[in-house]
Amino acid sequence: EVQLVESGGGLVQAGGSLRLSCAASGFTFDDYTIGWFRQAPGKGREGVSCISNTDGSSHYVDSVKGRFTISSDKAKNTVYLQMTNLKPEDTAVYYCGATYGRPWNRGSLYYSVDPADFASWGQGTQVTVSS
């Protein structure tokens, strides 16, 4: 059974940083793509970033490029999202998701980080950025 547990959320001032963790178990970590998503009050779930454990390739949505960095520690079966220069509009519940394989073509320079491509989810962690 796929299990994903997020941690690291909290309250931070605008311009601050947080590191989220997604601890995975119950599946072969190296065969999966892990993604970070967020959902603000009254809005749908949107993609933030994802990383393929098969080849290490990663993608980001435009709104977080240059501010967020995703990484994967295969020894710990954990994916991290380092968030810097946080803005109030980053406030949301952040979820990690997992999907088998890589939902984009090898070598593709663009992927939309579509939540519909991910089948398994954690419980989420709240990130609140105050202005």
Protein backbone atom coordinates (compact mmCIF):
# COMPACT_ATOMS: atom_id res chain seq x y z
CA GLU A 1 0.00 0.00 0.00
CA VAL A 2 1.38 3.39 -1.04
CA GLN A 3 1.81 5.69 1.94
CA LEU A 4 2.95 9.29 1.78
CA VAL A 5 3.46 11.48 4.85
CA GLU A 6 4.11 15.20 4.50
CA SER A 7 5.75 17.36 7.14
CA GLY A 8 7.51 20.67 7.50
CA GLY A 9 4.68 23.12 7.02
CA GLY A 10 4.14 26.13 9.24
CA LEU A 11 3.71 29.88 9.52
CA VAL A 12 6.37 32.09 7.95
CA GLN A 13 6.68 35.74 6.99
CA ALA A 14 6.85 36.80 3.37
CA GLY A 15 10.38 36.36 2.08
CA GLY A 16 11.04 33.46 4.43
CA SER A 17 11.80 29.81 3.73
CA LEU A 18 10.45 26.39 4.58
CA ARG A 19 11.43 22.84 3.66
CA LEU A 20 8.70 20.29 3.18
CA SER A 21 9.33 16.56 3.40
CA CYS A 22 7.39 13.68 1.86
CA ALA A 23 8.25 10.32 3.40
CA ALA A 24 7.21 7.41 1.20
CA SER A 25 6.65 3.74 1.95
CA GLY A 26 4.86 0.69 0.63
CA PHE A 27 6.19 0.82 -2.93
CA THR A 28 9.42 0.72 -4.93
CA PHE A 29 10.49 4.33 -4.55
CA ASP A 30 12.95 4.26 -7.47
CA ASP A 31 10.16 3.41 -9.93
CA TYR A 32 7.92 6.36 -9.11
CA THR A 33 7.56 10.05 -9.80
CA ILE A 34 6.77 12.10 -6.72
CA GLY A 35 5.08 15.46 -7.01
CA TRP A 36 4.18 18.39 -4.78
CA PHE A 37 0.78 20.02 -5.12
CA ARG A 38 -1.13 22.68 -3.23
CA GLN A 39 -4.69 23.68 -2.59
CA ALA A 40 -5.69 27.11 -1.34
CA PRO A 41 -9.10 27.71 0.28
CA GLY A 42 -11.84 27.74 -2.34
CA LYS A 43 -9.52 26.64 -5.13
CA GLY A 44 -8.69 23.39 -6.85
CA ARG A 45 -5.53 21.39 -6.34
CA GLU A 46 -2.67 22.65 -8.50
CA GLY A 47 0.72 21.23 -9.33
CA VAL A 48 3.89 22.80 -7.96
CA SER A 49 6.79 20.53 -8.84
CA CYS A 50 7.66 16.89 -9.42
CA ILE A 51 10.70 14.67 -9.75
CA SER A 52 11.16 11.33 -11.43
CA ASN A 53 13.12 8.82 -9.37
CA THR A 54 13.85 6.85 -12.55
CA ASP A 55 16.11 9.49 -14.08
CA GLY A 56 16.11 12.46 -11.69
CA SER A 57 14.39 14.82 -14.12
CA SER A 58 12.17 17.45 -12.56
CA HIS A 59 9.65 20.10 -13.49
CA TYR A 60 8.26 23.24 -11.89
CA VAL A 61 5.28 25.41 -12.58
CA ASP A 62 6.15 28.97 -13.63
CA SER A 63 4.94 30.58 -10.41
CA VAL A 64 7.60 28.82 -8.31
CA LYS A 65 10.54 28.62 -10.71
CA GLY A 66 13.65 30.11 -9.18
CA ARG A 67 12.14 29.99 -5.67
CA PHE A 68 11.37 26.31 -5.02
CA THR A 69 13.71 23.33 -5.39
CA ILE A 70 12.65 19.69 -5.38
CA SER A 71 15.04 16.90 -4.46
CA SER A 72 14.89 13.19 -3.76
CA ASP A 73 16.86 11.17 -1.21
CA LYS A 74 16.58 7.55 -2.33
CA ALA A 75 18.36 6.28 0.80
CA LYS A 76 15.57 7.77 2.92
CA ASN A 77 12.68 7.31 0.47
CA THR A 78 11.95 10.99 0.95
CA VAL A 79 11.32 13.88 -1.42
CA TYR A 80 11.90 17.44 -0.26
CA LEU A 81 10.58 20.77 -1.43
CA GLN A 82 12.81 23.67 -0.43
CA MET A 83 10.77 26.85 -0.64
CA THR A 84 12.46 30.24 -0.51
CA ASN A 85 11.29 33.84 -0.97
CA LEU A 86 7.80 32.74 0.04
CA LYS A 87 4.86 34.95 -0.88
CA PRO A 88 1.38 35.24 0.65
CA GLU A 89 -0.04 33.65 -2.50
CA ASP A 90 1.93 30.49 -1.66
CA THR A 91 -0.40 29.94 1.30
CA ALA A 92 -2.13 26.56 0.89
CA VAL A 93 -2.25 22.99 2.07
CA TYR A 94 0.64 21.22 0.37
CA TYR A 95 0.27 17.59 -0.64
CA CYS A 96 2.67 15.10 -2.13
CA GLY A 97 1.50 12.61 -4.71
CA ALA A 98 3.00 9.54 -6.32
CA THR A 99 2.61 7.92 -9.70
CA TYR A 100 4.32 4.90 -11.26
CA GLY A 101 6.85 5.71 -13.93
CA ARG A 102 7.25 9.15 -15.45
CA PRO A 103 4.19 10.99 -16.76
CA TRP A 104 6.15 12.88 -19.43
CA ASN A 105 8.23 11.76 -22.37
CA ARG A 106 11.91 11.20 -21.75
CA GLY A 107 13.82 14.40 -22.44
CA SER A 108 10.71 16.55 -22.54
CA LEU A 109 11.43 20.12 -21.45
CA TYR A 110 7.90 20.82 -20.33
CA TYR A 111 5.39 19.08 -18.10
CA SER A 112 2.38 20.70 -16.51
CA VAL A 113 2.55 18.82 -13.16
CA ASP A 114 -1.03 17.71 -13.62
CA PRO A 115 -2.67 16.32 -10.44
CA ALA A 116 -4.76 14.02 -12.64
CA ASP A 117 -1.61 12.02 -13.44
CA PHE A 118 -1.05 11.12 -9.78
CA ALA A 119 -2.96 8.34 -8.04
CA SER A 120 -1.75 8.34 -4.45
CA TRP A 121 -1.78 11.21 -1.97
CA GLY A 122 -0.63 12.16 1.50
CA GLN A 123 -2.72 13.97 4.09
CA GLY A 124 -1.19 17.40 3.46
CA THR A 125 0.69 19.99 5.48
CA GLN A 126 -0.39 23.62 5.95
CA VAL A 127 1.85 26.44 4.75
CA THR A 128 0.84 29.96 5.74
CA VAL A 129 2.78 32.99 4.54
CA SER A 130 1.99 36.26 6.26
CA SER A 131 2.52 39.62 4.59
